[in-house]
């Protein structure tokens, strides 16, 4: 009985060790991905990076516009409208530094609203 258990364990260990090695070439061939696959991928990657940069630039412009409106509303004492604009600016913000500023100012407006209620 003990000898059969040892044989089964040995077979399982051999199968477990051999299985990843057998599957490796098939998965590597299935991906067919290589860092040297050609210039087409490089051009596509540059185009996607360019599109991403343009999107982030436009998103940041909108975020700063919302931030300016929120600050105007806050100065006028219209805290609910300011809160809405801060949330809009926060939802589209693409810059970490601006994101921190928006969060800090939004927390201040929410604190004002809580104390006023």
PDB file of N, CA and C in Angstrom:
ATOM      1  N   UNK A   1       0.821  -1.188   0.000  1.00  0.00           N
ATOM      2  CA  UNK A   1       0.000   0.000   0.000  1.00  0.00           C
ATOM      3  C   UNK A   1       0.871   1.260   0.000  1.00  0.00           C
ATOM      4  N   UNK A   2       1.873   1.265   0.902  1.00  0.00           N
ATOM      5  CA  UNK A   2       2.759   2.422   0.988  1.00  0.00           C
ATOM      6  C   UNK A   2       3.548   2.590  -0.312  1.00  0.00           C
ATOM      7  N   UNK A   3       3.945   1.462  -0.911  1.00  0.00           N
ATOM      8  CA  UNK A   3       4.717   1.510  -2.145  1.00  0.00           C
ATOM      9  C   UNK A   3       3.872   2.071  -3.296  1.00  0.00           C
ATOM     10  N   UNK A   4       2.594   1.727  -3.362  1.00  0.00           N
ATOM     11  CA  UNK A   4       1.726   2.263  -4.409  1.00  0.00           C
ATOM     12  C   UNK A   4       1.503   3.756  -4.222  1.00  0.00           C
ATOM     13  N   UNK A   5       1.355   4.193  -2.982  1.00  0.00           N
ATOM     14  CA  UNK A   5       1.197   5.633  -2.724  1.00  0.00           C
ATOM     15  C   UNK A   5       2.447   6.394  -3.137  1.00  0.00           C
ATOM     16  N   UNK A   6       3.610   5.807  -2.849  1.00  0.00           N
ATOM     17  CA  UNK A   6       4.859   6.448  -3.258  1.00  0.00           C
ATOM     18  C   UNK A   6       4.965   6.518  -4.777  1.00  0.00           C
ATOM     19  N   UNK A   7       4.534   5.464  -5.471  1.00  0.00           N
ATOM     20  CA  UNK A   7       4.566   5.451  -6.942  1.00  0.00           C
ATOM     21  C   UNK A   7       3.604   6.502  -7.505  1.00  0.00           C
ATOM     22  N   UNK A   8       2.420   6.608  -6.909  1.00  0.00           N
ATOM     23  CA  UNK A   8       1.439   7.590  -7.380  1.00  0.00           C
ATOM     24  C   UNK A   8       1.973   9.008  -7.172  1.00  0.00           C
ATOM     25  N   UNK A   9       2.566   9.238  -6.000  1.00  0.00           N
ATOM     26  CA  UNK A   9       3.143  10.565  -5.723  1.00  0.00           C
ATOM     27  C   UNK A   9       4.272  10.880  -6.697  1.00  0.00           C
ATOM     28  N   UNK A  10       5.093   9.898  -6.991  1.00  0.00           N
ATOM     29  CA  UNK A  10       6.199  10.114  -7.914  1.00  0.00           C
ATOM     30  C   UNK A  10       5.672  10.424  -9.314  1.00  0.00           C
ATOM     31  N   UNK A  11       4.623   9.707  -9.749  1.00  0.00           N
ATOM     32  CA  UNK A  11       4.041   9.965 -11.060  1.00  0.00           C
ATOM     33  C   UNK A  11       3.419  11.365 -11.125  1.00  0.00           C
ATOM     34  N   UNK A  12       2.732  11.752 -10.053  1.00  0.00           N
ATOM     35  CA  UNK A  12       2.131  13.096 -10.009  1.00  0.00           C
ATOM     36  C   UNK A  12       3.196  14.178 -10.073  1.00  0.00           C
ATOM     37  N   UNK A  13       4.291  13.983  -9.339  1.00  0.00           N
ATOM     38  CA  UNK A  13       5.375  14.958  -9.359  1.00  0.00           C
ATOM     39  C   UNK A  13       6.019  15.048 -10.738  1.00  0.00           C
ATOM     40  N   UNK A  14       6.200  13.917 -11.376  1.00  0.00           N
ATOM     41  CA  UNK A  14       6.789  13.926 -12.713  1.00  0.00           C
ATOM     42  C   UNK A  14       5.854  14.620 -13.703  1.00  0.00           C
ATOM     43  N   UNK A  15       4.564  14.336 -13.573  1.00  0.00           N
ATOM     44  CA  UNK A  15       3.599  14.965 -14.479  1.00  0.00           C
ATOM     45  C   UNK A  15       3.532  16.466 -14.233  1.00  0.00           C
ATOM     46  N   UNK A  16       3.572  16.872 -12.972  1.00  0.00           N
ATOM     47  CA  UNK A  16       3.502  18.297 -12.644  1.00  0.00           C
ATOM     48  C   UNK A  16       4.748  19.029 -13.126  1.00  0.00           C
ATOM     49  N   UNK A  17       5.894  18.396 -13.048  1.00  0.00           N
ATOM     50  CA  UNK A  17       7.124  19.036 -13.514  1.00  0.00           C
ATOM     51  C   UNK A  17       7.177  19.097 -15.034  1.00  0.00           C
ATOM     52  N   UNK A  18       6.698  18.054 -15.687  1.00  0.00           N
ATOM     53  CA  UNK A  18       6.766  17.995 -17.138  1.00  0.00           C
ATOM     54  C   UNK A  18       5.679  18.791 -17.826  1.00  0.00           C
ATOM     55  N   UNK A  19       4.553  19.001 -17.163  1.00  0.00           N
ATOM     56  CA  UNK A  19       3.431  19.688 -17.784  1.00  0.00           C
ATOM     57  C   UNK A  19       3.748  21.144 -18.166  1.00  0.00           C
ATOM     58  N   UNK A  20       4.302  21.960 -17.279  1.00  0.00           N
ATOM     59  CA  UNK A  20       4.601  23.335 -17.696  1.00  0.00           C
ATOM     60  C   UNK A  20       5.624  23.406 -18.824  1.00  0.00           C
ATOM     61  N   UNK A  21       6.567  22.492 -18.829  1.00  0.00           N
ATOM     62  CA  UNK A  21       7.569  22.504 -19.889  1.00  0.00           C
ATOM     63  C   UNK A  21       6.953  22.130 -21.229  1.00  0.00           C
ATOM     64  N   UNK A  22       6.002  21.212 -21.209  1.00  0.00           N
ATOM     65  CA  UNK A  22       5.353  20.813 -22.451  1.00  0.00           C
ATOM     66  C   UNK A  22       4.429  21.915 -22.957  1.00  0.00           C
ATOM     67  N   UNK A  23       3.806  22.642 -22.051  1.00  0.00           N
ATOM     68  CA  UNK A  23       2.852  23.683 -22.448  1.00  0.00           C
ATOM     69  C   UNK A  23       3.547  24.978 -22.860  1.00  0.00           C
ATOM     70  N   UNK A  24       4.763  25.169 -22.456  1.00  0.00           N
ATOM     71  CA  UNK A  24       5.454  26.426 -22.720  1.00  0.00           C
ATOM     72  C   UNK A  24       5.620  26.737 -24.200  1.00  0.00           C
ATOM     73  N   UNK A  25       6.115  25.845 -25.017  1.00  0.00           N
ATOM     74  CA  UNK A  25       6.270  26.198 -26.428  1.00  0.00           C
ATOM     75  C   UNK A  25       4.939  26.480 -27.116  1.00  0.00           C
ATOM     76  N   UNK A  26       3.894  25.734 -26.756  1.00  0.00           N
ATOM     77  CA  UNK A  26       2.598  25.958 -27.391  1.00  0.00           C
ATOM     78  C   UNK A  26       2.054  27.336 -27.047  1.00  0.00           C
ATOM     79  N   UNK A  27       2.174  27.735 -25.783  1.00  0.00           N
ATOM     80  CA  UNK A  27       1.661  29.052 -25.414  1.00  0.00           C
ATOM     81  C   UNK A  27       2.521  30.159 -26.017  1.00  0.00           C
ATOM     82  N   UNK A  28       3.812  29.924 -26.125  1.00  0.00           N
ATOM     83  CA  UNK A  28       4.675  30.939 -26.721  1.00  0.00           C
ATOM     84  C   UNK A  28       4.375  31.094 -28.209  1.00  0.00           C
ATOM     85  N   UNK A  29       4.083  29.991 -28.877  1.00  0.00           N
ATOM     86  CA  UNK A  29       3.748  30.070 -30.290  1.00  0.00           C
ATOM     87  C   UNK A  29       2.360  30.667 -30.497  1.00  0.00           C
ATOM     88  N   UNK A  30       1.436  30.399 -29.570  1.00  0.00           N
ATOM     89  CA  UNK A  30       0.076  30.914 -29.709  1.00  0.00           C
ATOM     90  C   UNK A  30       0.058  32.435 -29.581  1.00  0.00           C
ATOM     91  N   UNK A  31       0.880  32.972 -28.720  1.00  0.00           N
ATOM     92  CA  UNK A  31       0.913  34.425 -28.552  1.00  0.00           C
ATOM     93  C   UNK A  31       1.506  35.106 -29.776  1.00  0.00           C
ATOM     94  N   UNK A  32       2.529  34.520 -30.324  1.00  0.00           N
ATOM     95  CA  UNK A  32       3.267  35.067 -31.462  1.00  0.00           C
ATOM     96  C   UNK A  32       3.600  36.540 -31.272  1.00  0.00           C
ATOM     97  N   UNK A  33       3.941  36.902 -30.060  1.00  0.00           N
ATOM     98  CA  UNK A  33       4.282  38.288 -29.757  1.00  0.00           C
ATOM     99  C   UNK A  33       5.790  38.372 -29.586  1.00  0.00           C
ATOM    100  N   UNK A  34       6.359  39.369 -30.168  1.00  0.00           N
ATOM    101  CA  UNK A  34       7.788  39.573 -30.079  1.00  0.00           C
ATOM    102  C   UNK A  34       8.067  41.058 -30.074  1.00  0.00           C
ATOM    103  N   UNK A  35       9.105  41.439 -29.371  1.00  0.00           N
ATOM    104  CA  UNK A  35       9.454  42.855 -29.357  1.00  0.00           C
ATOM    105  C   UNK A  35      10.099  43.273 -30.680  1.00  0.00           C
ATOM    106  N   UNK A  36      10.449  42.307 -31.503  1.00  0.00           N
ATOM    107  CA  UNK A  36      11.065  42.597 -32.791  1.00  0.00           C
ATOM    108  C   UNK A  36      10.126  42.228 -33.942  1.00  0.00           C
ATOM    109  N   UNK A  37       8.838  42.462 -33.774  1.00  0.00           N
ATOM    110  CA  UNK A  37       7.881  42.009 -34.780  1.00  0.00           C
ATOM    111  C   UNK A  37       7.758  42.956 -35.961  1.00  0.00           C
ATOM    112  N   UNK A  38       8.360  44.101 -35.927  1.00  0.00           N
ATOM    113  CA  UNK A  38       8.341  44.950 -37.108  1.00  0.00           C
ATOM    114  C   UNK A  38       8.010  46.388 -36.800  1.00  0.00           C
ATOM    115  N   UNK A  39       8.061  47.190 -37.849  1.00  0.00           N
ATOM    116  CA  UNK A  39       7.835  48.620 -37.716  1.00  0.00           C
ATOM    117  C   UNK A  39       6.353  48.956 -37.587  1.00  0.00           C
ATOM    118  N   UNK A  40       5.466  48.090 -38.049  1.00  0.00           N
ATOM    119  CA  UNK A  40       4.030  48.353 -37.989  1.00  0.00           C
ATOM    120  C   UNK A  40       3.552  48.547 -36.561  1.00  0.00           C
ATOM    121  N   UNK A  41       4.032  47.721 -35.652  1.00  0.00           N
ATOM    122  CA  UNK A  41       3.641  47.849 -34.253  1.00  0.00           C
ATOM    123  C   UNK A  41       4.209  49.116 -33.633  1.00  0.00           C
ATOM    124  N   UNK A  42       5.413  49.494 -34.047  1.00  0.00           N
ATOM    125  CA  UNK A  42       6.007  50.721 -33.523  1.00  0.00           C
ATOM    126  C   UNK A  42       5.202  51.941 -33.946  1.00  0.00           C
ATOM    127  N   UNK A  43       4.785  51.960 -35.194  1.00  0.00           N
ATOM    128  CA  UNK A  43       3.996  53.092 -35.690  1.00  0.00           C
ATOM    129  C   UNK A  43       2.641  53.132 -34.998  1.00  0.00           C
ATOM    130  N   UNK A  44       2.054  51.956 -34.802  1.00  0.00           N
ATOM    131  CA  UNK A  44       0.762  51.904 -34.119  1.00  0.00           C
ATOM    132  C   UNK A  44       0.900  52.346 -32.661  1.00  0.00           C
ATOM    133  N   UNK A  45       1.963  51.930 -32.009  1.00  0.00           N
ATOM    134  CA  UNK A  45       2.187  52.323 -30.622  1.00  0.00           C
ATOM    135  C   UNK A  45       2.392  53.831 -30.511  1.00  0.00           C
ATOM    136  N   UNK A  46       3.131  54.415 -31.460  1.00  0.00           N
ATOM    137  CA  UNK A  46       3.334  55.867 -31.456  1.00  0.00           C
ATOM    138  C   UNK A  46       2.024  56.601 -31.691  1.00  0.00           C
ATOM    139  N   UNK A  47       1.207  56.073 -32.605  1.00  0.00           N
ATOM    140  CA  UNK A  47      -0.081  56.701 -32.896  1.00  0.00           C
ATOM    141  C   UNK A  47      -1.002  56.635 -31.673  1.00  0.00           C
ATOM    142  N   UNK A  48      -1.019  55.484 -30.993  1.00  0.00           N
ATOM    143  CA  UNK A  48      -1.841  55.346 -29.797  1.00  0.00           C
ATOM    144  C   UNK A  48      -1.343  56.248 -28.675  1.00  0.00           C
ATOM    145  N   UNK A  49      -0.038  56.384 -28.535  1.00  0.00           N
ATOM    146  CA  UNK A  49       0.520  57.270 -27.516  1.00  0.00           C
ATOM    147  C   UNK A  49       0.165  58.722 -27.817  1.00  0.00           C
ATOM    148  N   UNK A  50       0.207  59.085 -29.098  1.00  0.00           N
ATOM    149  CA  UNK A  50      -0.162  60.431 -29.518  1.00  0.00           C
ATOM    150  C   UNK A  50      -1.631  60.717 -29.220  1.00  0.00           C
ATOM    151  N   UNK A  51      -2.500  59.750 -29.547  1.00  0.00           N
ATOM    152  CA  UNK A  51      -3.931  59.914 -29.273  1.00  0.00           C
ATOM    153  C   UNK A  51      -4.187  60.038 -27.778  1.00  0.00           C
ATOM    154  N   UNK A  52      -3.487  59.249 -26.997  1.00  0.00           N
ATOM    155  CA  UNK A  52      -3.640  59.297 -25.530  1.00  0.00           C
ATOM    156  C   UNK A  52      -3.193  60.656 -24.992  1.00  0.00           C
ATOM    157  N   UNK A  53      -2.094  61.172 -25.500  1.00  0.00           N
ATOM    158  CA  UNK A  53      -1.607  62.480 -25.055  1.00  0.00           C
ATOM    159  C   UNK A  53      -2.596  63.585 -25.425  1.00  0.00           C
ATOM    160  N   UNK A  54      -3.162  63.505 -26.634  1.00  0.00           N
ATOM    161  CA  UNK A  54      -4.165  64.501 -27.041  1.00  0.00           C
ATOM    162  C   UNK A  54      -5.398  64.431 -26.152  1.00  0.00           C
ATOM    163  N   UNK A  55      -5.844  63.213 -25.846  1.00  0.00           N
ATOM    164  CA  UNK A  55      -7.006  63.050 -24.973  1.00  0.00           C
ATOM    165  C   UNK A  55      -6.734  63.626 -23.593  1.00  0.00           C
ATOM    166  N   UNK A  56      -5.568  63.327 -23.031  1.00  0.00           N
ATOM    167  CA  UNK A  56      -5.230  63.830 -21.699  1.00  0.00           C
ATOM    168  C   UNK A  56      -5.146  65.347 -21.689  1.00  0.00           C
ATOM    169  N   UNK A  57      -4.628  65.924 -22.756  1.00  0.00           N
ATOM    170  CA  UNK A  57      -4.532  67.378 -22.851  1.00  0.00           C
ATOM    171  C   UNK A  57      -5.919  68.009 -22.865  1.00  0.00           C
ATOM    172  N   UNK A  58      -6.822  67.456 -23.691  1.00  0.00           N
ATOM    173  CA  UNK A  58      -8.183  67.990 -23.745  1.00  0.00           C
ATOM    174  C   UNK A  58      -8.919  67.777 -22.434  1.00  0.00           C
ATOM    175  N   UNK A  59      -8.727  66.614 -21.822  1.00  0.00           N
ATOM    176  CA  UNK A  59      -9.374  66.324 -20.542  1.00  0.00           C
ATOM    177  C   UNK A  59      -8.889  67.293 -19.482  1.00  0.00           C
ATOM    178  N   UNK A  60      -7.604  67.604 -19.497  1.00  0.00           N
ATOM    179  CA  UNK A  60      -7.061  68.527 -18.510  1.00  0.00           C
ATOM    180  C   UNK A  60      -7.602  69.938 -18.724  1.00  0.00           C
ATOM    181  N   UNK A  61      -7.790  70.344 -19.981  1.00  0.00           N
ATOM    182  CA  UNK A  61      -8.375  71.660 -20.259  1.00  0.00           C
ATOM    183  C   UNK A  61      -9.781  71.762 -19.684  1.00  0.00           C
ATOM    184  N   UNK A  62     -10.580  70.725 -19.900  1.00  0.00           N
ATOM    185  CA  UNK A  62     -11.948  70.721 -19.373  1.00  0.00           C
ATOM    186  C   UNK A  62     -11.943  70.704 -17.848  1.00  0.00           C
ATOM    187  N   UNK A  63     -11.033  69.940 -17.286  1.00  0.00           N
ATOM    188  CA  UNK A  63     -10.935  69.855 -15.839  1.00  0.00           C
ATOM    189  C   UNK A  63     -10.592  71.212 -15.233  1.00  0.00           C
ATOM    190  N   UNK A  64      -9.663  71.922 -15.858  1.00  0.00           N
ATOM    191  CA  UNK A  64      -9.289  73.248 -15.348  1.00  0.00           C
ATOM    192  C   UNK A  64     -10.423  74.255 -15.524  1.00  0.00           C
ATOM    193  N   UNK A  65     -11.209  74.114 -16.588  1.00  0.00           N
ATOM    194  CA  UNK A  65     -12.360  75.000 -16.774  1.00  0.00           C
ATOM    195  C   UNK A  65     -13.390  74.766 -15.678  1.00  0.00           C
ATOM    196  N   UNK A  66     -13.668  73.499 -15.375  1.00  0.00           N
ATOM    197  CA  UNK A  66     -14.596  73.184 -14.288  1.00  0.00           C
ATOM    198  C   UNK A  66     -14.062  73.671 -12.948  1.00  0.00           C
ATOM    199  N   UNK A  67     -12.765  73.552 -12.758  1.00  0.00           N
ATOM    200  CA  UNK A  67     -12.157  74.019 -11.509  1.00  0.00           C
ATOM    201  C   UNK A  67     -12.323  75.522 -11.354  1.00  0.00           C
ATOM    202  N   UNK A  68     -12.133  76.275 -12.431  1.00  0.00           N
ATOM    203  CA  UNK A  68     -12.326  77.727 -12.380  1.00  0.00           C
ATOM    204  C   UNK A  68     -13.768  78.094 -12.056  1.00  0.00           C
ATOM    205  N   UNK A  69     -14.721  77.378 -12.663  1.00  0.00           N
ATOM    206  CA  UNK A  69     -16.130  77.645 -12.367  1.00  0.00           C
ATOM    207  C   UNK A  69     -16.454  77.314 -10.915  1.00  0.00           C
ATOM    208  N   UNK A  70     -15.895  76.218 -10.424  1.00  0.00           N
ATOM    209  CA  UNK A  70     -16.138  75.825  -9.032  1.00  0.00           C
ATOM    210  C   UNK A  70     -15.614  76.883  -8.073  1.00  0.00           C
ATOM    211  N   UNK A  71     -14.455  77.419  -8.363  1.00  0.00           N
ATOM    212  CA  UNK A  71     -13.901  78.465  -7.490  1.00  0.00           C
ATOM    213  C   UNK A  71     -14.756  79.730  -7.514  1.00  0.00           C
ATOM    214  N   UNK A  72     -15.293  80.070  -8.678  1.00  0.00           N
ATOM    215  CA  UNK A  72     -16.186  81.233  -8.753  1.00  0.00           C
ATOM    216  C   UNK A  72     -17.447  81.012  -7.929  1.00  0.00           C
ATOM    217  N   UNK A  73     -18.037  79.834  -8.058  1.00  0.00           N
ATOM    218  CA  UNK A  73     -19.236  79.526  -7.283  1.00  0.00           C
ATOM    219  C   UNK A  73     -18.943  79.529  -5.785  1.00  0.00           C
ATOM    220  N   UNK A  74     -17.769  79.037  -5.411  1.00  0.00           N
ATOM    221  CA  UNK A  74     -17.405  79.016  -3.995  1.00  0.00           C
ATOM    222  C   UNK A  74     -17.275  80.438  -3.456  1.00  0.00           C
ATOM    223  N   UNK A  75     -16.662  81.323  -4.234  1.00  0.00           N
ATOM    224  CA  UNK A  75     -16.511  82.717  -3.809  1.00  0.00           C
ATOM    225  C   UNK A  75     -17.860  83.413  -3.686  1.00  0.00           C
ATOM    226  N   UNK A  76     -18.820  83.009  -4.516  1.00  0.00           N
ATOM    227  CA  UNK A  76     -20.150  83.607  -4.476  1.00  0.00           C
ATOM    228  C   UNK A  76     -21.015  83.010  -3.365  1.00  0.00           C
ATOM    229  N   UNK A  77     -20.518  81.981  -2.700  1.00  0.00           N
ATOM    230  CA  UNK A  77     -21.287  81.339  -1.642  1.00  0.00           C
ATOM    231  C   UNK A  77     -22.259  80.303  -2.168  1.00  0.00           C
ATOM    232  N   UNK A  78     -22.132  79.917  -3.397  1.00  0.00           N
ATOM    233  CA  UNK A  78     -23.005  78.915  -4.009  1.00  0.00           C
ATOM    234  C   UNK A  78     -22.288  77.561  -3.929  1.00  0.00           C
ATOM    235  N   UNK A  79     -22.328  76.997  -2.728  1.00  0.00           N
ATOM    236  CA  UNK A  79     -21.499  75.833  -2.429  1.00  0.00           C
ATOM    237  C   UNK A  79     -21.978  74.547  -3.093  1.00  0.00           C
ATOM    238  N   UNK A  80     -23.293  74.400  -3.272  1.00  0.00           N
ATOM    239  CA  UNK A  80     -23.803  73.203  -3.956  1.00  0.00           C
ATOM    240  C   UNK A  80     -23.348  73.183  -5.414  1.00  0.00           C
ATOM    241  N   UNK A  81     -23.450  74.328  -6.076  1.00  0.00           N
ATOM    242  CA  UNK A  81     -22.977  74.401  -7.462  1.00  0.00           C
ATOM    243  C   UNK A  81     -21.464  74.212  -7.535  1.00  0.00           C
ATOM    244  N   UNK A  82     -20.761  74.778  -6.571  1.00  0.00           N
ATOM    245  CA  UNK A  82     -19.308  74.601  -6.538  1.00  0.00           C
ATOM    246  C   UNK A  82     -18.961  73.119  -6.377  1.00  0.00           C
ATOM    247  N   UNK A  83     -19.694  72.436  -5.494  1.00  0.00           N
ATOM    248  CA  UNK A  83     -19.451  71.005  -5.282  1.00  0.00           C
ATOM    249  C   UNK A  83     -19.674  70.223  -6.571  1.00  0.00           C
ATOM    250  N   UNK A  84     -20.733  70.550  -7.296  1.00  0.00           N
ATOM    251  CA  UNK A  84     -21.000  69.864  -8.561  1.00  0.00           C
ATOM    252  C   UNK A  84     -19.871  70.081  -9.564  1.00  0.00           C
ATOM    253  N   UNK A  85     -19.388  71.300  -9.658  1.00  0.00           N
ATOM    254  CA  UNK A  85     -18.300  71.583 -10.607  1.00  0.00           C
ATOM    255  C   UNK A  85     -17.000  70.897 -10.178  1.00  0.00           C
ATOM    256  N   UNK A  86     -16.746  70.856  -8.864  1.00  0.00           N
ATOM    257  CA  UNK A  86     -15.558  70.135  -8.392  1.00  0.00           C
ATOM    258  C   UNK A  86     -15.647  68.659  -8.766  1.00  0.00           C
ATOM    259  N   UNK A  87     -16.840  68.070  -8.617  1.00  0.00           N
ATOM    260  CA  UNK A  87     -17.006  66.660  -8.974  1.00  0.00           C
ATOM    261  C   UNK A  87     -16.829  66.442 -10.470  1.00  0.00           C
ATOM    262  N   UNK A  88     -17.306  67.385 -11.273  1.00  0.00           N
ATOM    263  CA  UNK A  88     -17.088  67.268 -12.720  1.00  0.00           C
ATOM    264  C   UNK A  88     -15.605  67.375 -13.060  1.00  0.00           C
ATOM    265  N   UNK A  89     -14.929  68.304 -12.415  1.00  0.00           N
ATOM    266  CA  UNK A  89     -13.490  68.453 -12.652  1.00  0.00           C
ATOM    267  C   UNK A  89     -12.742  67.200 -12.206  1.00  0.00           C
ATOM    268  N   UNK A  90     -13.176  66.628 -11.096  1.00  0.00           N
ATOM    269  CA  UNK A  90     -12.539  65.427 -10.568  1.00  0.00           C
ATOM    270  C   UNK A  90     -12.745  64.234 -11.498  1.00  0.00           C
ATOM    271  N   UNK A  91     -13.921  64.159 -12.113  1.00  0.00           N
ATOM    272  CA  UNK A  91     -14.224  62.996 -12.957  1.00  0.00           C
ATOM    273  C   UNK A  91     -13.415  62.975 -14.248  1.00  0.00           C
ATOM    274  N   UNK A  92     -12.974  64.122 -14.723  1.00  0.00           N
ATOM    275  CA  UNK A  92     -12.261  64.158 -16.011  1.00  0.00           C
ATOM    276  C   UNK A  92     -10.783  64.517 -15.846  1.00  0.00           C
ATOM    277  N   UNK A  93     -10.355  64.755 -14.628  1.00  0.00           N
ATOM    278  CA  UNK A  93      -8.980  65.195 -14.383  1.00  0.00           C
ATOM    279  C   UNK A  93      -7.970  64.141 -14.841  1.00  0.00           C
ATOM    280  N   UNK A  94      -6.915  64.600 -15.504  1.00  0.00           N
ATOM    281  CA  UNK A  94      -5.905  63.691 -16.039  1.00  0.00           C
ATOM    282  C   UNK A  94      -4.523  63.920 -15.440  1.00  0.00           C
ATOM    283  N   UNK A  95      -4.412  64.826 -14.501  1.00  0.00           N
ATOM    284  CA  UNK A  95      -3.121  65.194 -13.929  1.00  0.00           C
ATOM    285  C   UNK A  95      -3.160  64.937 -12.420  1.00  0.00           C
ATOM    286  N   UNK A  96      -2.146  64.264 -11.904  1.00  0.00           N
ATOM    287  CA  UNK A  96      -2.132  63.918 -10.483  1.00  0.00           C
ATOM    288  C   UNK A  96      -2.066  65.148  -9.582  1.00  0.00           C
ATOM    289  N   UNK A  97      -1.298  66.141  -9.972  1.00  0.00           N
ATOM    290  CA  UNK A  97      -1.166  67.346  -9.156  1.00  0.00           C
ATOM    291  C   UNK A  97      -2.500  68.095  -9.099  1.00  0.00           C
ATOM    292  N   UNK A  98      -3.146  68.258 -10.237  1.00  0.00           N
ATOM    293  CA  UNK A  98      -4.447  68.925 -10.283  1.00  0.00           C
ATOM    294  C   UNK A  98      -5.481  68.103  -9.529  1.00  0.00           C
ATOM    295  N   UNK A  99      -5.381  66.792  -9.619  1.00  0.00           N
ATOM    296  CA  UNK A  99      -6.296  65.911  -8.905  1.00  0.00           C
ATOM    297  C   UNK A  99      -6.216  66.150  -7.402  1.00  0.00           C
ATOM    298  N   UNK A 100      -5.018  66.288  -6.880  1.00  0.00           N
ATOM    299  CA  UNK A 100      -4.842  66.568  -5.453  1.00  0.00           C
ATOM    300  C   UNK A 100      -5.452  67.902  -5.049  1.00  0.00           C
ATOM    301  N   UNK A 101      -5.281  68.914  -5.882  1.00  0.00           N
ATOM    302  CA  UNK A 101      -5.848  70.238  -5.598  1.00  0.00           C
ATOM    303  C   UNK A 101      -7.371  70.167  -5.590  1.00  0.00           C
ATOM    304  N   UNK A 102      -7.928  69.497  -6.587  1.00  0.00           N
ATOM    305  CA  UNK A 102      -9.390  69.394  -6.682  1.00  0.00           C
ATOM    306  C   UNK A 102      -9.944  68.653  -5.473  1.00  0.00           C
ATOM    307  N   UNK A 103      -9.316  67.557  -5.087  1.00  0.00           N
ATOM    308  CA  UNK A 103      -9.792  66.796  -3.928  1.00  0.00           C
ATOM    309  C   UNK A 103      -9.755  67.643  -2.668  1.00  0.00           C
ATOM    310  N   UNK A 104      -8.670  68.379  -2.488  1.00  0.00           N
ATOM    311  CA  UNK A 104      -8.536  69.215  -1.282  1.00  0.00           C
ATOM    312  C   UNK A 104      -9.614  70.290  -1.239  1.00  0.00           C
ATOM    313  N   UNK A 105      -9.842  70.970  -2.365  1.00  0.00           N
ATOM    314  CA  UNK A 105     -10.848  72.024  -2.398  1.00  0.00           C
ATOM    315  C   UNK A 105     -12.258  71.441  -2.276  1.00  0.00           C
ATOM    316  N   UNK A 106     -12.486  70.270  -2.871  1.00  0.00           N
ATOM    317  CA  UNK A 106     -13.785  69.612  -2.744  1.00  0.00           C
ATOM    318  C   UNK A 106     -14.061  69.228  -1.298  1.00  0.00           C
ATOM    319  N   UNK A 107     -13.047  68.726  -0.609  1.00  0.00           N
ATOM    320  CA  UNK A 107     -13.222  68.398   0.807  1.00  0.00           C
ATOM    321  C   UNK A 107     -13.591  69.635   1.614  1.00  0.00           C
ATOM    322  N   UNK A 108     -12.996  70.771   1.280  1.00  0.00           N
ATOM    323  CA  UNK A 108     -13.312  72.016   1.983  1.00  0.00           C
ATOM    324  C   UNK A 108     -14.745  72.453   1.757  1.00  0.00           C
ATOM    325  N   UNK A 109     -15.220  72.353   0.521  1.00  0.00           N
ATOM    326  CA  UNK A 109     -16.595  72.744   0.214  1.00  0.00           C
ATOM    327  C   UNK A 109     -17.577  71.787   0.886  1.00  0.00           C
ATOM    328  N   UNK A 110     -17.267  70.491   0.884  1.00  0.00           N
ATOM    329  CA  UNK A 110     -18.157  69.534   1.549  1.00  0.00           C
ATOM    330  C   UNK A 110     -18.200  69.770   3.051  1.00  0.00           C
ATOM    331  N   UNK A 111     -17.091  70.167   3.629  1.00  0.00           N
ATOM    332  CA  UNK A 111     -17.073  70.502   5.061  1.00  0.00           C
ATOM    333  C   UNK A 111     -17.946  71.731   5.322  1.00  0.00           C
ATOM    334  N   UNK A 112     -17.858  72.736   4.465  1.00  0.00           N
ATOM    335  CA  UNK A 112     -18.720  73.915   4.598  1.00  0.00           C
ATOM    336  C   UNK A 112     -20.195  73.532   4.498  1.00  0.00           C
ATOM    337  N   UNK A 113     -20.524  72.691   3.557  1.00  0.00           N
ATOM    338  CA  UNK A 113     -21.926  72.260   3.400  1.00  0.00           C
ATOM    339  C   UNK A 113     -22.418  71.487   4.614  1.00  0.00           C
ATOM    340  N   UNK A 114     -21.569  70.631   5.157  1.00  0.00           N
ATOM    341  CA  UNK A 114     -21.989  69.875   6.355  1.00  0.00           C
ATOM    342  C   UNK A 114     -22.212  70.786   7.554  1.00  0.00           C
ATOM    343  N   UNK A 115     -21.341  71.756   7.722  1.00  0.00           N
ATOM    344  CA  UNK A 115     -21.494  72.658   8.877  1.00  0.00           C
ATOM    345  C   UNK A 115     -22.675  73.597   8.731  1.00  0.00           C
ATOM    346  N   UNK A 116     -23.056  73.909   7.478  1.00  0.00           N
ATOM    347  CA  UNK A 116     -24.191  74.779   7.250  1.00  0.00           C
ATOM    348  C   UNK A 116     -25.521  74.050   7.465  1.00  0.00           C
ATOM    349  N   UNK A 117     -25.530  72.758   7.364  1.00  0.00           N
ATOM    350  CA  UNK A 117     -26.776  71.995   7.506  1.00  0.00           C
ATOM    351  C   UNK A 117     -27.072  71.761   8.916  1.00  0.00           C
TER     352      UNK A 117
END
